[in-house]
PDB file of all heavy atoms in Angstrom:
ATOM      1  N   LEU A   1     -93.480  -8.678 -37.753  1.00  0.00           N
ATOM      2  CA  LEU A   1     -92.562  -8.636 -36.604  1.00  0.00           C
ATOM      3  C   LEU A   1     -91.928  -7.234 -36.464  1.00  0.00           C
ATOM      4  O   LEU A   1     -91.544  -6.636 -37.479  1.00  0.00           O
ATOM      5  CB  LEU A   1     -91.404  -9.666 -36.755  1.00  0.00           C
ATOM      6  CG  LEU A   1     -91.872 -11.160 -36.672  1.00  0.00           C
ATOM      7  CD1 LEU A   1     -90.658 -12.050 -36.956  1.00  0.00           C
ATOM      8  CD2 LEU A   1     -92.529 -11.435 -35.404  1.00  0.00           C
ATOM      9  N   PRO A   2     -91.941  -6.708 -35.335  1.00  0.00           N
ATOM     10  CA  PRO A   2     -91.471  -5.312 -35.157  1.00  0.00           C
ATOM     11  C   PRO A   2     -89.937  -5.163 -35.251  1.00  0.00           C
ATOM     12  O   PRO A   2     -89.183  -5.985 -34.779  1.00  0.00           O
ATOM     13  CB  PRO A   2     -91.954  -4.907 -33.756  1.00  0.00           C
ATOM     14  CG  PRO A   2     -91.897  -6.273 -32.993  1.00  0.00           C
ATOM     15  CD  PRO A   2     -92.306  -7.260 -34.007  1.00  0.00           C
ATOM     16  N   TYR A   3     -89.539  -4.018 -35.801  1.00  0.00           N
ATOM     17  CA  TYR A   3     -88.124  -3.633 -35.840  1.00  0.00           C
ATOM     18  C   TYR A   3     -87.783  -2.534 -34.871  1.00  0.00           C
ATOM     19  O   TYR A   3     -86.718  -2.419 -34.374  1.00  0.00           O
ATOM     20  CB  TYR A   3     -87.722  -3.209 -37.265  1.00  0.00           C
ATOM     21  CG  TYR A   3     -87.845  -4.196 -38.345  1.00  0.00           C
ATOM     22  CD1 TYR A   3     -88.625  -3.988 -39.467  1.00  0.00           C
ATOM     23  CD2 TYR A   3     -87.141  -5.442 -38.235  1.00  0.00           C
ATOM     24  CE1 TYR A   3     -88.717  -4.969 -40.545  1.00  0.00           C
ATOM     25  CE2 TYR A   3     -87.265  -6.380 -39.242  1.00  0.00           C
ATOM     26  CZ  TYR A   3     -88.037  -6.128 -40.356  1.00  0.00           C
ATOM     27  OH  TYR A   3     -88.125  -7.073 -41.342  1.00  0.00           O
ATOM     28  N   LYS A   4     -88.796  -1.686 -34.627  1.00  0.00           N
ATOM     29  CA  LYS A   4     -88.558  -0.523 -33.752  1.00  0.00           C
ATOM     30  C   LYS A   4     -89.836  -0.191 -32.974  1.00  0.00           C
ATOM     31  O   LYS A   4     -90.931  -0.254 -33.556  1.00  0.00           O
ATOM     32  CB  LYS A   4     -88.082   0.691 -34.540  1.00  0.00           C
ATOM     33  CG  LYS A   4     -87.807   1.952 -33.677  1.00  0.00           C
ATOM     34  CD  LYS A   4     -87.488   3.141 -34.622  1.00  0.00           C
ATOM     35  CE  LYS A   4     -86.105   2.965 -35.226  1.00  0.00           C
ATOM     36  NZ  LYS A   4     -85.013   3.109 -34.209  1.00  0.00           N
ATOM     37  N   PHE A   5     -89.638   0.241 -31.703  1.00  0.00           N
ATOM     38  CA  PHE A   5     -90.825   0.558 -30.933  1.00  0.00           C
ATOM     39  C   PHE A   5     -90.412   1.856 -30.148  1.00  0.00           C
ATOM     40  O   PHE A   5     -89.299   1.980 -29.641  1.00  0.00           O
ATOM     41  CB  PHE A   5     -91.163  -0.513 -29.907  1.00  0.00           C
ATOM     42  CG  PHE A   5     -92.270  -0.196 -28.938  1.00  0.00           C
ATOM     43  CD1 PHE A   5     -93.579   0.008 -29.359  1.00  0.00           C
ATOM     44  CD2 PHE A   5     -91.988   0.036 -27.593  1.00  0.00           C
ATOM     45  CE1 PHE A   5     -94.552   0.334 -28.479  1.00  0.00           C
ATOM     46  CE2 PHE A   5     -92.960   0.399 -26.679  1.00  0.00           C
ATOM     47  CZ  PHE A   5     -94.295   0.524 -27.099  1.00  0.00           C
ATOM     48  N   ILE A   6     -91.343   2.853 -30.085  1.00  0.00           N
ATOM     49  CA  ILE A   6     -91.105   4.085 -29.443  1.00  0.00           C
ATOM     50  C   ILE A   6     -92.210   4.323 -28.426  1.00  0.00           C
ATOM     51  O   ILE A   6     -93.412   4.181 -28.758  1.00  0.00           O
ATOM     52  CB  ILE A   6     -91.008   5.284 -30.423  1.00  0.00           C
ATOM     53  CG1 ILE A   6     -89.856   5.084 -31.414  1.00  0.00           C
ATOM     54  CG2 ILE A   6     -90.945   6.597 -29.709  1.00  0.00           C
ATOM     55  CD1 ILE A   6     -89.834   6.027 -32.505  1.00  0.00           C
ATOM     56  N   ARG A   7     -91.810   4.747 -27.178  1.00  0.00           N
ATOM     57  CA  ARG A   7     -92.859   5.079 -26.186  1.00  0.00           C
ATOM     58  C   ARG A   7     -92.417   6.416 -25.582  1.00  0.00           C
ATOM     59  O   ARG A   7     -91.354   6.518 -24.855  1.00  0.00           O
ATOM     60  CB  ARG A   7     -92.880   3.962 -25.100  1.00  0.00           C
ATOM     61  CG  ARG A   7     -93.932   4.306 -24.066  1.00  0.00           C
ATOM     62  CD  ARG A   7     -93.883   3.272 -22.934  1.00  0.00           C
ATOM     63  NE  ARG A   7     -94.872   3.516 -21.932  1.00  0.00           N
ATOM     64  CZ  ARG A   7     -94.832   3.059 -20.689  1.00  0.00           C
ATOM     65  NH1 ARG A   7     -93.829   2.399 -20.212  1.00  0.00           N
ATOM     66  NH2 ARG A   7     -95.828   3.374 -19.832  1.00  0.00           N
ATOM     67  N   ASN A   8     -93.237   7.453 -25.844  1.00  0.00           N
ATOM     68  CA  ASN A   8     -92.945   8.762 -25.290  1.00  0.00           C
ATOM     69  C   ASN A   8     -94.202   9.277 -24.556  1.00  0.00           C
ATOM     70  O   ASN A   8     -95.175   9.599 -25.247  1.00  0.00           O
ATOM     71  CB  ASN A   8     -92.506   9.720 -26.428  1.00  0.00           C
ATOM     72  CG  ASN A   8     -92.093  11.059 -25.983  1.00  0.00           C
ATOM     73  OD1 ASN A   8     -92.415  11.590 -24.884  1.00  0.00           O
ATOM     74  ND2 ASN A   8     -91.119  11.677 -26.728  1.00  0.00           N
ATOM     75  N   ILE A   9     -94.161   9.277 -23.209  1.00  0.00           N
ATOM     76  CA  ILE A   9     -95.381   9.529 -22.489  1.00  0.00           C
ATOM     77  C   ILE A   9     -95.158  10.610 -21.382  1.00  0.00           C
ATOM     78  O   ILE A   9     -94.035  10.825 -20.927  1.00  0.00           O
ATOM     79  CB  ILE A   9     -95.892   8.218 -21.827  1.00  0.00           C
ATOM     80  CG1 ILE A   9     -94.883   7.792 -20.718  1.00  0.00           C
ATOM     81  CG2 ILE A   9     -96.109   7.149 -22.866  1.00  0.00           C
ATOM     82  CD1 ILE A   9     -95.436   6.762 -19.768  1.00  0.00           C
ATOM     83  N   ASP A  10     -96.275  11.258 -21.093  1.00  0.00           N
ATOM     84  CA  ASP A  10     -96.337  12.128 -19.960  1.00  0.00           C
ATOM     85  C   ASP A  10     -97.704  11.899 -19.295  1.00  0.00           C
ATOM     86  O   ASP A  10     -98.712  12.310 -19.849  1.00  0.00           O
ATOM     87  CB  ASP A  10     -96.199  13.622 -20.345  1.00  0.00           C
ATOM     88  CG  ASP A  10     -96.141  14.572 -19.123  1.00  0.00           C
ATOM     89  OD1 ASP A  10     -96.502  14.149 -18.059  1.00  0.00           O
ATOM     90  OD2 ASP A  10     -95.692  15.662 -19.344  1.00  0.00           O
ATOM     91  N   GLU A  11     -97.710  11.282 -18.163  1.00  0.00           N
ATOM     92  CA  GLU A  11     -98.929  10.909 -17.451  1.00  0.00           C
ATOM     93  C   GLU A  11     -98.919  11.476 -16.039  1.00  0.00           C
ATOM     94  O   GLU A  11     -98.401  10.937 -15.138  1.00  0.00           O
ATOM     95  CB  GLU A  11     -99.064   9.370 -17.410  1.00  0.00           C
ATOM     96  CG  GLU A  11     -99.157   8.688 -18.750  1.00  0.00           C
ATOM     97  CD  GLU A  11     -99.165   7.174 -18.704  1.00  0.00           C
ATOM     98  OE1 GLU A  11     -98.888   6.661 -17.660  1.00  0.00           O
ATOM     99  OE2 GLU A  11     -99.434   6.595 -19.808  1.00  0.00           O
ATOM    100  N   GLY A  12     -99.508  12.662 -15.967  1.00  0.00           N
ATOM    101  CA  GLY A  12     -99.527  13.384 -14.689  1.00  0.00           C
ATOM    102  C   GLY A  12     -98.200  13.746 -14.163  1.00  0.00           C
ATOM    103  O   GLY A  12     -97.947  13.722 -12.922  1.00  0.00           O
ATOM    104  N   GLY A  13     -97.234  13.969 -15.031  1.00  0.00           N
ATOM    105  CA  GLY A  13     -95.852  14.290 -14.624  1.00  0.00           C
ATOM    106  C   GLY A  13     -94.975  13.081 -14.662  1.00  0.00           C
ATOM    107  O   GLY A  13     -93.704  13.209 -14.572  1.00  0.00           O
ATOM    108  N   HIS A  14     -95.483  11.900 -14.727  1.00  0.00           N
ATOM    109  CA  HIS A  14     -94.718  10.637 -14.904  1.00  0.00           C
ATOM    110  C   HIS A  14     -94.249  10.510 -16.369  1.00  0.00           C
ATOM    111  O   HIS A  14     -95.182  10.327 -17.226  1.00  0.00           O
ATOM    112  CB  HIS A  14     -95.435   9.437 -14.431  1.00  0.00           C
ATOM    113  CG  HIS A  14     -94.718   8.160 -14.703  1.00  0.00           C
ATOM    114  ND1 HIS A  14     -93.553   7.733 -14.101  1.00  0.00           N
ATOM    115  CD2 HIS A  14     -95.076   7.120 -15.603  1.00  0.00           C
ATOM    116  CE1 HIS A  14     -93.151   6.605 -14.618  1.00  0.00           C
ATOM    117  NE2 HIS A  14     -94.128   6.184 -15.433  1.00  0.00           N
ATOM    118  N   THR A  15     -93.038  10.575 -16.700  1.00  0.00           N
ATOM    119  CA  THR A  15     -92.578  10.615 -18.054  1.00  0.00           C
ATOM    120  C   THR A  15     -91.685   9.541 -18.428  1.00  0.00           C
ATOM    121  O   THR A  15     -90.958   8.975 -17.554  1.00  0.00           O
ATOM    122  CB  THR A  15     -91.896  11.986 -18.421  1.00  0.00           C
ATOM    123  OG1 THR A  15     -90.727  12.128 -17.672  1.00  0.00           O
ATOM    124  CG2 THR A  15     -92.817  13.164 -18.171  1.00  0.00           C
ATOM    125  N   LYS A  16     -91.712   9.105 -19.695  1.00  0.00           N
ATOM    126  CA  LYS A  16     -90.804   8.098 -20.289  1.00  0.00           C
ATOM    127  C   LYS A  16     -90.546   8.452 -21.688  1.00  0.00           C
ATOM    128  O   LYS A  16     -91.361   8.991 -22.350  1.00  0.00           O
ATOM    129  CB  LYS A  16     -91.380   6.668 -20.173  1.00  0.00           C
ATOM    130  CG  LYS A  16     -91.346   6.097 -18.775  1.00  0.00           C
ATOM    131  CD  LYS A  16     -91.514   4.581 -18.778  1.00  0.00           C
ATOM    132  CE  LYS A  16     -91.298   3.973 -17.316  1.00  0.00           C
ATOM    133  NZ  LYS A  16     -91.242   2.550 -17.354  1.00  0.00           N
ATOM    134  N   ASP A  17     -89.289   8.187 -22.105  1.00  0.00           N
ATOM    135  CA  ASP A  17     -88.936   8.430 -23.538  1.00  0.00           C
ATOM    136  C   ASP A  17     -87.957   7.257 -23.889  1.00  0.00           C
ATOM    137  O   ASP A  17     -86.767   7.356 -23.738  1.00  0.00           O
ATOM    138  CB  ASP A  17     -88.180   9.761 -23.653  1.00  0.00           C
ATOM    139  CG  ASP A  17     -87.948  10.158 -25.109  1.00  0.00           C
ATOM    140  OD1 ASP A  17     -88.362   9.441 -25.983  1.00  0.00           O
ATOM    141  OD2 ASP A  17     -87.390  11.259 -25.326  1.00  0.00           O
ATOM    142  N   LEU A  18     -88.584   6.234 -24.475  1.00  0.00           N
ATOM    143  CA  LEU A  18     -87.850   5.011 -24.806  1.00  0.00           C
ATOM    144  C   LEU A  18     -87.929   4.772 -26.316  1.00  0.00           C
ATOM    145  O   LEU A  18     -88.949   4.950 -26.976  1.00  0.00           O
ATOM    146  CB  LEU A  18     -88.505   3.812 -24.028  1.00  0.00           C
ATOM    147  CG  LEU A  18     -88.466   3.764 -22.581  1.00  0.00           C
ATOM    148  CD1 LEU A  18     -89.215   2.547 -22.027  1.00  0.00           C
ATOM    149  CD2 LEU A  18     -87.018   3.751 -22.035  1.00  0.00           C
ATOM    150  N   GLU A  19     -86.763   4.266 -26.817  1.00  0.00           N
ATOM    151  CA  GLU A  19     -86.723   3.748 -28.190  1.00  0.00           C
ATOM    152  C   GLU A  19     -86.071   2.399 -28.178  1.00  0.00           C
ATOM    153  O   GLU A  19     -84.979   2.239 -27.654  1.00  0.00           O
ATOM    154  CB  GLU A  19     -85.906   4.745 -29.110  1.00  0.00           C
ATOM    155  CG  GLU A  19     -85.898   4.429 -30.524  1.00  0.00           C
ATOM    156  CD  GLU A  19     -85.292   5.474 -31.393  1.00  0.00           C
ATOM    157  OE1 GLU A  19     -85.735   6.659 -31.268  1.00  0.00           O
ATOM    158  OE2 GLU A  19     -84.372   5.130 -32.126  1.00  0.00           O
ATOM    159  N   ILE A  20     -86.801   1.430 -28.729  1.00  0.00           N
ATOM    160  CA  ILE A  20     -86.329   0.065 -28.716  1.00  0.00           C
ATOM    161  C   ILE A  20     -86.134  -0.476 -30.122  1.00  0.00           C
ATOM    162  O   ILE A  20     -87.041  -0.455 -30.890  1.00  0.00           O
ATOM    163  CB  ILE A  20     -87.291  -0.900 -27.971  1.00  0.00           C
ATOM    164  CG1 ILE A  20     -87.505  -0.354 -26.547  1.00  0.00           C
ATOM    165  CG2 ILE A  20     -86.758  -2.337 -27.941  1.00  0.00           C
ATOM    166  CD1 ILE A  20     -88.582  -1.099 -25.711  1.00  0.00           C
ATOM    167  N   ASP A  21     -84.954  -1.002 -30.445  1.00  0.00           N
ATOM    168  CA  ASP A  21     -84.680  -1.682 -31.710  1.00  0.00           C
ATOM    169  C   ASP A  21     -84.585  -3.124 -31.460  1.00  0.00           C
ATOM    170  O   ASP A  21     -83.782  -3.591 -30.639  1.00  0.00           O
ATOM    171  CB  ASP A  21     -83.420  -1.131 -32.334  1.00  0.00           C
ATOM    172  CG  ASP A  21     -83.477   0.318 -32.778  1.00  0.00           C
ATOM    173  OD1 ASP A  21     -84.297   0.593 -33.688  1.00  0.00           O
ATOM    174  OD2 ASP A  21     -82.782   1.203 -32.178  1.00  0.00           O
ATOM    175  N   PHE A  22     -85.382  -3.898 -32.246  1.00  0.00           N
ATOM    176  CA  PHE A  22     -85.481  -5.341 -32.092  1.00  0.00           C
ATOM    177  C   PHE A  22     -84.588  -6.040 -33.102  1.00  0.00           C
ATOM    178  O   PHE A  22     -84.697  -5.820 -34.328  1.00  0.00           O
ATOM    179  CB  PHE A  22     -86.862  -5.839 -32.173  1.00  0.00           C
ATOM    180  CG  PHE A  22     -87.791  -5.476 -31.128  1.00  0.00           C
ATOM    181  CD1 PHE A  22     -88.720  -4.471 -31.321  1.00  0.00           C
ATOM    182  CD2 PHE A  22     -87.763  -6.039 -29.889  1.00  0.00           C
ATOM    183  CE1 PHE A  22     -89.521  -4.009 -30.305  1.00  0.00           C
ATOM    184  CE2 PHE A  22     -88.620  -5.716 -28.890  1.00  0.00           C
ATOM    185  CZ  PHE A  22     -89.512  -4.699 -29.023  1.00  0.00           C
ATOM    186  N   ASP A  23     -83.667  -6.922 -32.633  1.00  0.00           N
ATOM    187  CA  ASP A  23     -82.879  -7.811 -33.467  1.00  0.00           C
ATOM    188  C   ASP A  23     -83.643  -9.160 -33.440  1.00  0.00           C
ATOM    189  O   ASP A  23     -83.412  -9.937 -32.536  1.00  0.00           O
ATOM    190  CB  ASP A  23     -81.491  -7.947 -32.853  1.00  0.00           C
ATOM    191  CG  ASP A  23     -80.593  -8.788 -33.799  1.00  0.00           C
ATOM    192  OD1 ASP A  23     -81.106  -9.511 -34.591  1.00  0.00           O
ATOM    193  OD2 ASP A  23     -79.353  -8.766 -33.531  1.00  0.00           O
ATOM    194  N   GLN A  24     -84.520  -9.389 -34.393  1.00  0.00           N
ATOM    195  CA  GLN A  24     -85.314 -10.543 -34.394  1.00  0.00           C
ATOM    196  C   GLN A  24     -84.475 -11.842 -34.655  1.00  0.00           C
ATOM    197  O   GLN A  24     -84.807 -12.900 -34.164  1.00  0.00           O
ATOM    198  CB  GLN A  24     -86.445 -10.464 -35.486  1.00  0.00           C
ATOM    199  CG  GLN A  24     -87.436  -9.348 -35.222  1.00  0.00           C
ATOM    200  CD  GLN A  24     -88.407  -9.730 -34.035  1.00  0.00           C
ATOM    201  OE1 GLN A  24     -88.345 -10.801 -33.505  1.00  0.00           O
ATOM    202  NE2 GLN A  24     -89.211  -8.804 -33.695  1.00  0.00           N
ATOM    203  N   LYS A  25     -83.396 -11.708 -35.395  1.00  0.00           N
ATOM    204  CA  LYS A  25     -82.532 -12.777 -35.712  1.00  0.00           C
ATOM    205  C   LYS A  25     -81.798 -13.349 -34.511  1.00  0.00           C
ATOM    206  O   LYS A  25     -81.742 -14.527 -34.285  1.00  0.00           O
ATOM    207  CB  LYS A  25     -81.525 -12.476 -36.823  1.00  0.00           C
ATOM    208  CG  LYS A  25     -80.609 -13.608 -37.244  1.00  0.00           C
ATOM    209  CD  LYS A  25     -79.646 -13.153 -38.357  1.00  0.00           C
ATOM    210  CE  LYS A  25     -78.735 -14.311 -38.710  1.00  0.00           C
ATOM    211  NZ  LYS A  25     -77.833 -13.859 -39.800  1.00  0.00           N
ATOM    212  N   ASN A  26     -81.296 -12.438 -33.657  1.00  0.00           N
ATOM    213  CA  ASN A  26     -80.510 -12.815 -32.494  1.00  0.00           C
ATOM    214  C   ASN A  26     -81.252 -12.722 -31.179  1.00  0.00           C
ATOM    215  O   ASN A  26     -80.694 -12.887 -30.122  1.00  0.00           O
ATOM    216  CB  ASN A  26     -79.212 -11.948 -32.488  1.00  0.00           C
ATOM    217  CG  ASN A  26     -78.305 -12.195 -33.639  1.00  0.00           C
ATOM    218  OD1 ASN A  26     -77.848 -13.285 -33.870  1.00  0.00           O
ATOM    219  ND2 ASN A  26     -78.021 -11.135 -34.359  1.00  0.00           N
ATOM    220  N   HIS A  27     -82.551 -12.376 -31.289  1.00  0.00           N
ATOM    221  CA  HIS A  27     -83.414 -12.316 -30.086  1.00  0.00           C
ATOM    222  C   HIS A  27     -82.934 -11.265 -29.079  1.00  0.00           C
ATOM    223  O   HIS A  27     -82.710 -11.705 -27.917  1.00  0.00           O
ATOM    224  CB  HIS A  27     -83.611 -13.668 -29.461  1.00  0.00           C
ATOM    225  CG  HIS A  27     -83.887 -14.770 -30.458  1.00  0.00           C
ATOM    226  ND1 HIS A  27     -84.791 -14.632 -31.506  1.00  0.00           N
ATOM    227  CD2 HIS A  27     -83.394 -16.037 -30.614  1.00  0.00           C
ATOM    228  CE1 HIS A  27     -84.828 -15.761 -32.255  1.00  0.00           C
ATOM    229  NE2 HIS A  27     -83.971 -16.622 -31.686  1.00  0.00           N
ATOM    230  N   LYS A  28     -82.735 -10.070 -29.493  1.00  0.00           N
ATOM    231  CA  LYS A  28     -82.186  -9.074 -28.631  1.00  0.00           C
ATOM    232  C   LYS A  28     -83.116  -7.834 -28.780  1.00  0.00           C
ATOM    233  O   LYS A  28     -83.579  -7.502 -29.893  1.00  0.00           O
ATOM    234  CB  LYS A  28     -80.783  -8.685 -28.970  1.00  0.00           C
ATOM    235  CG  LYS A  28     -79.730  -9.852 -28.879  1.00  0.00           C
ATOM    236  CD  LYS A  28     -79.487 -10.262 -27.469  1.00  0.00           C
ATOM    237  CE  LYS A  28     -78.374 -11.316 -27.520  1.00  0.00           C
ATOM    238  NZ  LYS A  28     -78.101 -11.835 -26.119  1.00  0.00           N
ATOM    239  N   ALA A  29     -83.231  -6.994 -27.645  1.00  0.00           N
ATOM    240  CA  ALA A  29     -83.848  -5.744 -27.704  1.00  0.00           C
ATOM    241  C   ALA A  29     -82.835  -4.700 -27.295  1.00  0.00           C
ATOM    242  O   ALA A  29     -82.280  -4.794 -26.130  1.00  0.00           O
ATOM    243  CB  ALA A  29     -85.000  -5.699 -26.781  1.00  0.00           C
ATOM    244  N   HIS A  30     -82.562  -3.762 -28.138  1.00  0.00           N
ATOM    245  CA  HIS A  30     -81.551  -2.694 -27.913  1.00  0.00           C
ATOM    246  C   HIS A  30     -82.392  -1.461 -27.366  1.00  0.00           C
ATOM    247  O   HIS A  30     -83.067  -0.859 -28.178  1.00  0.00           O
ATOM    248  CB  HIS A  30     -80.752  -2.337 -29.098  1.00  0.00           C
ATOM    249  CG  HIS A  30     -79.868  -3.488 -29.559  1.00  0.00           C
ATOM    250  ND1 HIS A  30     -78.559  -3.622 -29.279  1.00  0.00           N
ATOM    251  CD2 HIS A  30     -80.195  -4.585 -30.335  1.00  0.00           C
ATOM    252  CE1 HIS A  30     -78.031  -4.725 -29.812  1.00  0.00           C
ATOM    253  NE2 HIS A  30     -79.071  -5.305 -30.464  1.00  0.00           N
ATOM    254  N   ILE A  31     -82.266  -1.171 -26.099  1.00  0.00           N
ATOM    255  CA  ILE A  31     -83.102  -0.151 -25.474  1.00  0.00           C
ATOM    256  C   ILE A  31     -82.373   1.124 -25.229  1.00  0.00           C
ATOM    257  O   ILE A  31     -81.333   1.102 -24.659  1.00  0.00           O
ATOM    258  CB  ILE A  31     -83.692  -0.664 -24.148  1.00  0.00           C
ATOM    259  CG1 ILE A  31     -84.427  -1.988 -24.383  1.00  0.00           C
ATOM    260  CG2 ILE A  31     -84.596   0.361 -23.513  1.00  0.00           C
ATOM    261  CD1 ILE A  31     -84.729  -2.734 -23.039  1.00  0.00           C
ATOM    262  N   ASN A  32     -82.883   2.221 -25.777  1.00  0.00           N
ATOM    263  CA  ASN A  32     -82.305   3.552 -25.558  1.00  0.00           C
ATOM    264  C   ASN A  32     -83.316   4.321 -24.648  1.00  0.00           C
ATOM    265  O   ASN A  32     -84.378   4.780 -25.130  1.00  0.00           O
ATOM    266  CB  ASN A  32     -82.151   4.230 -26.933  1.00  0.00           C
ATOM    267  CG  ASN A  32     -81.449   5.561 -26.762  1.00  0.00           C
ATOM    268  OD1 ASN A  32     -81.058   6.006 -25.663  1.00  0.00           O
ATOM    269  ND2 ASN A  32     -81.307   6.340 -27.835  1.00  0.00           N
ATOM    270  N   ASP A  33     -82.861   4.503 -23.435  1.00  0.00           N
ATOM    271  CA  ASP A  33     -83.688   5.233 -22.446  1.00  0.00           C
ATOM    272  C   ASP A  33     -83.223   6.747 -22.569  1.00  0.00           C
ATOM    273  O   ASP A  33     -82.195   7.087 -21.896  1.00  0.00           O
ATOM    274  CB  ASP A  33     -83.481   4.734 -21.025  1.00  0.00           C
ATOM    275  CG  ASP A  33     -84.363   5.415 -20.037  1.00  0.00           C
ATOM    276  OD1 ASP A  33     -84.903   6.548 -20.329  1.00  0.00           O
ATOM    277  OD2 ASP A  33     -84.614   4.874 -18.954  1.00  0.00           O
ATOM    278  N   LYS A  34     -83.896   7.488 -23.404  1.00  0.00           N
ATOM    279  CA  LYS A  34     -83.403   8.893 -23.626  1.00  0.00           C
ATOM    280  C   LYS A  34     -83.546   9.757 -22.389  1.00  0.00           C
ATOM    281  O   LYS A  34     -82.803  10.678 -22.215  1.00  0.00           O
ATOM    282  CB  LYS A  34     -84.179   9.434 -24.908  1.00  0.00           C
ATOM    283  CG  LYS A  34     -83.934   8.739 -26.112  1.00  0.00           C
ATOM    284  CD  LYS A  34     -84.644   9.381 -27.243  1.00  0.00           C
ATOM    285  CE  LYS A  34     -84.365   8.683 -28.610  1.00  0.00           C
ATOM    286  NZ  LYS A  34     -85.054   9.309 -29.713  1.00  0.00           N
ATOM    287  N   LYS A  35     -84.546   9.538 -21.601  1.00  0.00           N
ATOM    288  CA  LYS A  35     -84.757  10.357 -20.417  1.00  0.00           C
ATOM    289  C   LYS A  35     -83.570  10.296 -19.447  1.00  0.00           C
ATOM    290  O   LYS A  35     -83.140  11.266 -18.867  1.00  0.00           O
ATOM    291  CB  LYS A  35     -86.006   9.893 -19.692  1.00  0.00           C
ATOM    292  CG  LYS A  35     -86.250  10.697 -18.371  1.00  0.00           C
ATOM    293  CD  LYS A  35     -87.603  10.214 -17.725  1.00  0.00           C
ATOM    294  CE  LYS A  35     -87.783  10.915 -16.425  1.00  0.00           C
ATOM    295  NZ  LYS A  35     -89.076  10.439 -15.710  1.00  0.00           N
TER     296      LYS A  35
END
């Protein structure tokens, strides 16, 4: 089961910089949209 997920992309100028921390016990995703 995942604890952390990172997505850092640049696709033809379309960019995203996300970091997600999963709270598996309480069923929550804490999303940090750095962009």
